Amino acid sequence: MGDSEVHDRIDPRVLALKGGLLAVWASVTFVACFFARDLQFMMGDWPFGYWLAAQGAVLAFIAIVVVHSICMKRLAPEDSEETDDGIDDA
């Protein structure tokens, strides 16, 4: 398959999804963690900024993966179907 055929098959909705999720990733990674140090109130024995940067970022990354998998299952269902390629698992 040539490059022009591959580029013709790319769905613009998939590119928009990837771009949007990449923007969310970048904002969580750089913006939220940068401004987290300004949050000075305590949550337990630790400052809230620590919890936001350490735990909130991980939860946001997991949410990005879940959103991506759900949307890709809807946008490209032919890619998520299992195929029988004739190989026995025995």
Protein backbone atom coordinates (compact mmCIF):
# COMPACT_ATOMS: atom_id res chain seq x y z
CA MET A 1 0.00 0.00 0.00
CA GLY A 2 1.41 3.38 -0.95
CA ASP A 3 1.57 6.47 1.22
CA SER A 4 -1.25 8.20 -0.67
CA GLU A 5 -3.58 5.23 -0.08
CA VAL A 6 -2.84 5.22 3.64
CA HIS A 7 -3.44 8.98 3.96
CA ASP A 8 -6.74 8.65 2.08
CA ARG A 9 -7.98 6.06 4.59
CA ILE A 10 -7.26 8.15 7.71
CA ASP A 11 -10.49 9.35 9.27
CA PRO A 12 -10.40 13.05 10.21
CA ARG A 13 -12.44 12.24 13.34
CA VAL A 14 -9.65 9.95 14.53
CA LEU A 15 -7.08 12.70 13.96
CA ALA A 16 -9.27 15.17 15.87
CA LEU A 17 -9.61 12.70 18.74
CA LYS A 18 -5.86 12.14 18.88
CA GLY A 19 -5.19 15.89 18.74
CA GLY A 20 -7.70 16.62 21.49
CA LEU A 21 -6.39 13.90 23.78
CA LEU A 22 -2.83 15.05 23.13
CA ALA A 23 -3.85 18.58 24.16
CA VAL A 24 -5.42 17.21 27.36
CA TRP A 25 -2.25 15.20 28.06
CA ALA A 26 -0.03 18.25 27.54
CA SER A 27 -2.20 20.47 29.73
CA VAL A 28 -2.26 17.89 32.55
CA THR A 29 1.46 17.28 32.28
CA PHE A 30 2.71 20.83 32.01
CA VAL A 31 0.01 23.28 33.10
CA ALA A 32 -1.63 21.48 36.03
CA CYS A 33 1.66 20.25 37.47
CA PHE A 34 3.27 23.67 37.04
CA PHE A 35 0.50 25.49 38.92
CA ALA A 36 0.06 22.73 41.53
CA ARG A 37 2.85 24.19 43.64
CA ASP A 38 0.74 27.32 44.19
CA LEU A 39 -1.96 25.32 45.98
CA GLN A 40 -0.75 25.65 49.54
CA PHE A 41 -3.58 24.20 51.63
CA MET A 42 -2.99 20.87 53.33
CA MET A 43 -4.77 17.61 52.63
CA GLY A 44 -3.84 15.33 55.46
CA ASP A 45 -0.10 15.64 56.04
CA TRP A 46 0.69 16.67 52.47
CA PRO A 47 0.05 19.87 50.48
CA PHE A 48 -2.82 19.67 48.00
CA GLY A 49 -0.46 20.55 45.14
CA TYR A 50 1.42 17.30 45.76
CA TRP A 51 -1.77 15.27 45.51
CA LEU A 52 -2.84 17.08 42.36
CA ALA A 53 0.49 16.54 40.62
CA ALA A 54 1.22 13.02 41.85
CA GLN A 55 -2.19 11.37 41.98
CA GLY A 56 -4.43 13.57 39.83
CA ALA A 57 -2.12 13.36 36.83
CA VAL A 58 -2.09 9.56 36.95
CA LEU A 59 -5.90 9.46 37.13
CA ALA A 60 -6.11 11.88 34.20
CA PHE A 61 -3.77 9.69 32.12
CA ILE A 62 -5.89 6.62 32.86
CA ALA A 63 -8.99 8.58 31.83
CA ILE A 64 -7.29 9.55 28.55
CA VAL A 65 -6.60 5.89 27.76
CA VAL A 66 -10.19 4.89 28.59
CA VAL A 67 -11.68 7.69 26.47
CA HIS A 68 -9.38 6.80 23.58
CA SER A 69 -10.33 3.12 23.67
CA ILE A 70 -14.08 3.82 23.87
CA CYS A 71 -13.99 6.38 21.05
CA MET A 72 -11.82 4.22 18.79
CA LYS A 73 -14.17 1.28 19.27
CA ARG A 74 -16.98 3.50 17.95
CA LEU A 75 -15.01 5.26 15.22
CA ALA A 76 -13.22 2.23 13.79
CA PRO A 77 -15.22 -0.88 14.67
CA GLU A 78 -13.59 -2.89 11.88
CA ASP A 79 -10.22 -2.51 13.60
CA SER A 80 -11.51 -3.84 16.93
CA GLU A 81 -13.19 -6.98 15.55
CA GLU A 82 -11.49 -10.29 16.13
CA THR A 83 -10.56 -12.09 12.94
CA ASP A 84 -10.12 -15.78 12.34
CA ASP A 85 -6.78 -16.06 10.56
CA GLY A 86 -6.82 -19.86 10.41
CA ILE A 87 -4.28 -20.45 13.17
CA ASP A 88 -5.23 -23.06 15.74
CA ASP A 89 -4.44 -22.30 19.36
CA ALA A 90 -4.13 -25.97 20.29
